[in-house]
Amino acid sequence: MGSMNKTSSTNPTPQPNQPKTGGKAKPVLPDYDSLRRYEQHLRLRGKAGRTREGYLRYARKVAELARVDPATLGEDRIRGFFLYLKEKRLARRRVCMCP
């Protein structure tokens, strides 16, 4: 009997933005500098934690679907994205376009 390789029996370390156990793996988004700046902007404006989370969730979703840095998208494309969510009833009742 040969020796067993211990590393082959262990689970690989999960990557960032991926679930640790089962389920559908989320795509790993690039770490866009614009999203960090946007979060800082929201903090400076005094937005509450849950408000910041909501705004950033939509910004990340835009980045995920467009597959580009959201800062490079024009207002028309972002507005169209929010309109799509609202029409498909995928967004909450009100979608704030606040900076």
C-alpha atoms as a PDB file:
ATOM      1  CA  MET A   1       0.000   0.000   0.000  1.00  0.00           C
ATOM      2  CA  GLY A   2       1.399   3.383  -1.001  1.00  0.00           C
ATOM      3  CA  SER A   3       1.254   6.483   1.099  1.00  0.00           C
ATOM      4  CA  MET A   4      -1.780   8.711   0.584  1.00  0.00           C
ATOM      5  CA  ASN A   5      -1.321  12.317  -0.328  1.00  0.00           C
ATOM      6  CA  LYS A   6      -3.008  14.314   2.424  1.00  0.00           C
ATOM      7  CA  THR A   7      -3.586  17.378   0.261  1.00  0.00           C
ATOM      8  CA  SER A   8      -5.757  15.472  -2.192  1.00  0.00           C
ATOM      9  CA  SER A   9      -8.308  14.581   0.478  1.00  0.00           C
ATOM     10  CA  THR A  10      -8.760  18.087   1.859  1.00  0.00           C
ATOM     11  CA  ASN A  11     -11.190  20.596   0.463  1.00  0.00           C
ATOM     12  CA  PRO A  12      -9.709  23.570  -1.359  1.00  0.00           C
ATOM     13  CA  THR A  13      -9.944  26.936   0.349  1.00  0.00           C
ATOM     14  CA  PRO A  14     -12.979  28.857  -0.923  1.00  0.00           C
ATOM     15  CA  GLN A  15     -12.213  31.893  -3.045  1.00  0.00           C
ATOM     16  CA  PRO A  16     -13.560  35.341  -2.106  1.00  0.00           C
ATOM     17  CA  ASN A  17     -17.183  35.951  -3.104  1.00  0.00           C
ATOM     18  CA  GLN A  18     -17.866  32.218  -3.250  1.00  0.00           C
ATOM     19  CA  PRO A  19     -20.005  30.252  -0.788  1.00  0.00           C
ATOM     20  CA  LYS A  20     -18.106  28.076   1.675  1.00  0.00           C
ATOM     21  CA  THR A  21     -20.559  25.204   1.442  1.00  0.00           C
ATOM     22  CA  GLY A  22     -22.606  23.843  -1.459  1.00  0.00           C
ATOM     23  CA  GLY A  23     -24.910  25.990  -3.494  1.00  0.00           C
ATOM     24  CA  LYS A  24     -24.426  27.994  -6.619  1.00  0.00           C
ATOM     25  CA  ALA A  25     -21.091  29.777  -6.826  1.00  0.00           C
ATOM     26  CA  LYS A  26     -21.278  33.520  -7.342  1.00  0.00           C
ATOM     27  CA  PRO A  27     -19.062  35.059  -9.979  1.00  0.00           C
ATOM     28  CA  VAL A  28     -16.002  36.769  -8.610  1.00  0.00           C
ATOM     29  CA  LEU A  29     -16.168  40.432  -9.509  1.00  0.00           C
ATOM     30  CA  PRO A  30     -13.068  42.480 -10.048  1.00  0.00           C
ATOM     31  CA  ASP A  31     -12.335  44.871  -7.214  1.00  0.00           C
ATOM     32  CA  TYR A  32     -13.346  48.085  -8.950  1.00  0.00           C
ATOM     33  CA  ASP A  33     -11.816  51.196  -7.432  1.00  0.00           C
ATOM     34  CA  SER A  34     -14.968  53.106  -8.366  1.00  0.00           C
ATOM     35  CA  LEU A  35     -17.072  50.950  -6.015  1.00  0.00           C
ATOM     36  CA  ARG A  36     -14.715  51.690  -3.114  1.00  0.00           C
ATOM     37  CA  ARG A  37     -14.869  55.404  -3.913  1.00  0.00           C
ATOM     38  CA  TYR A  38     -18.663  55.199  -4.132  1.00  0.00           C
ATOM     39  CA  GLU A  39     -18.842  53.582  -0.694  1.00  0.00           C
ATOM     40  CA  GLN A  40     -16.602  56.316   0.712  1.00  0.00           C
ATOM     41  CA  HIS A  41     -18.828  58.923  -0.922  1.00  0.00           C
ATOM     42  CA  LEU A  42     -21.904  57.402   0.719  1.00  0.00           C
ATOM     43  CA  ARG A  43     -20.162  57.406   4.108  1.00  0.00           C
ATOM     44  CA  LEU A  44     -19.197  61.059   3.697  1.00  0.00           C
ATOM     45  CA  ARG A  45     -22.810  61.880   2.840  1.00  0.00           C
ATOM     46  CA  GLY A  46     -23.840  60.255   6.134  1.00  0.00           C
ATOM     47  CA  LYS A  47     -25.894  57.424   4.625  1.00  0.00           C
ATOM     48  CA  ALA A  48     -26.890  54.688   7.069  1.00  0.00           C
ATOM     49  CA  GLY A  49     -25.273  51.255   6.830  1.00  0.00           C
ATOM     50  CA  ARG A  50     -28.299  49.519   5.330  1.00  0.00           C
ATOM     51  CA  THR A  51     -28.756  52.325   2.817  1.00  0.00           C
ATOM     52  CA  ARG A  52     -25.120  52.021   1.747  1.00  0.00           C
ATOM     53  CA  GLU A  53     -25.501  48.248   1.445  1.00  0.00           C
ATOM     54  CA  GLY A  54     -28.546  48.675  -0.802  1.00  0.00           C
ATOM     55  CA  TYR A  55     -26.917  51.252  -3.052  1.00  0.00           C
ATOM     56  CA  LEU A  56     -23.747  49.174  -3.333  1.00  0.00           C
ATOM     57  CA  ARG A  57     -25.738  46.012  -4.027  1.00  0.00           C
ATOM     58  CA  TYR A  58     -27.278  47.651  -7.099  1.00  0.00           C
ATOM     59  CA  ALA A  59     -23.918  49.088  -8.207  1.00  0.00           C
ATOM     60  CA  ARG A  60     -22.333  45.622  -7.969  1.00  0.00           C
ATOM     61  CA  LYS A  61     -25.255  44.100  -9.855  1.00  0.00           C
ATOM     62  CA  VAL A  62     -24.757  46.639 -12.649  1.00  0.00           C
ATOM     63  CA  ALA A  63     -21.051  45.729 -12.757  1.00  0.00           C
ATOM     64  CA  GLU A  64     -21.851  42.014 -12.779  1.00  0.00           C
ATOM     65  CA  LEU A  65     -24.381  42.197 -15.594  1.00  0.00           C
ATOM     66  CA  ALA A  66     -22.490  44.730 -17.731  1.00  0.00           C
ATOM     67  CA  ARG A  67     -19.151  43.014 -17.024  1.00  0.00           C
ATOM     68  CA  VAL A  68     -17.415  46.380 -16.841  1.00  0.00           C
ATOM     69  CA  ASP A  69     -16.542  48.964 -14.223  1.00  0.00           C
ATOM     70  CA  PRO A  70     -19.843  50.737 -13.487  1.00  0.00           C
ATOM     71  CA  ALA A  71     -18.033  54.099 -13.562  1.00  0.00           C
ATOM     72  CA  THR A  72     -17.515  53.617 -17.305  1.00  0.00           C
ATOM     73  CA  LEU A  73     -21.229  53.260 -18.023  1.00  0.00           C
ATOM     74  CA  GLY A  74     -23.275  56.242 -19.053  1.00  0.00           C
ATOM     75  CA  GLU A  75     -26.348  57.442 -17.228  1.00  0.00           C
ATOM     76  CA  ASP A  76     -28.621  56.090 -19.978  1.00  0.00           C
ATOM     77  CA  ARG A  77     -27.357  52.501 -19.578  1.00  0.00           C
ATOM     78  CA  ILE A  78     -27.657  52.590 -15.795  1.00  0.00           C
ATOM     79  CA  ARG A  79     -31.108  54.166 -15.953  1.00  0.00           C
ATOM     80  CA  GLY A  80     -32.135  51.448 -18.426  1.00  0.00           C
ATOM     81  CA  PHE A  81     -30.884  48.787 -16.028  1.00  0.00           C
ATOM     82  CA  PHE A  82     -32.985  50.144 -13.159  1.00  0.00           C
ATOM     83  CA  LEU A  83     -36.005  50.465 -15.448  1.00  0.00           C
ATOM     84  CA  TYR A  84     -35.554  46.824 -16.473  1.00  0.00           C
ATOM     85  CA  LEU A  85     -35.449  45.730 -12.810  1.00  0.00           C
ATOM     86  CA  LYS A  86     -38.540  47.739 -11.985  1.00  0.00           C
ATOM     87  CA  GLU A  87     -40.520  46.453 -14.988  1.00  0.00           C
ATOM     88  CA  LYS A  88     -39.589  42.848 -14.231  1.00  0.00           C
ATOM     89  CA  ARG A  89     -40.467  43.434 -10.575  1.00  0.00           C
ATOM     90  CA  LEU A  90     -36.965  42.395  -9.540  1.00  0.00           C
ATOM     91  CA  ALA A  91     -36.387  45.588  -7.581  1.00  0.00           C
ATOM     92  CA  ARG A  92     -38.109  46.951  -4.527  1.00  0.00           C
ATOM     93  CA  ARG A  93     -40.927  49.399  -5.111  1.00  0.00           C
ATOM     94  CA  ARG A  94     -38.623  52.395  -5.242  1.00  0.00           C
ATOM     95  CA  VAL A  95     -35.222  52.466  -6.859  1.00  0.00           C
ATOM     96  CA  CYS A  96     -33.241  55.506  -5.825  1.00  0.00           C
ATOM     97  CA  MET A  97     -30.885  56.960  -8.410  1.00  0.00           C
ATOM     98  CA  CYS A  98     -29.224  59.057  -5.701  1.00  0.00           C
ATOM     99  CA  PRO A  99     -25.469  59.561  -5.895  1.00  0.00           C
END
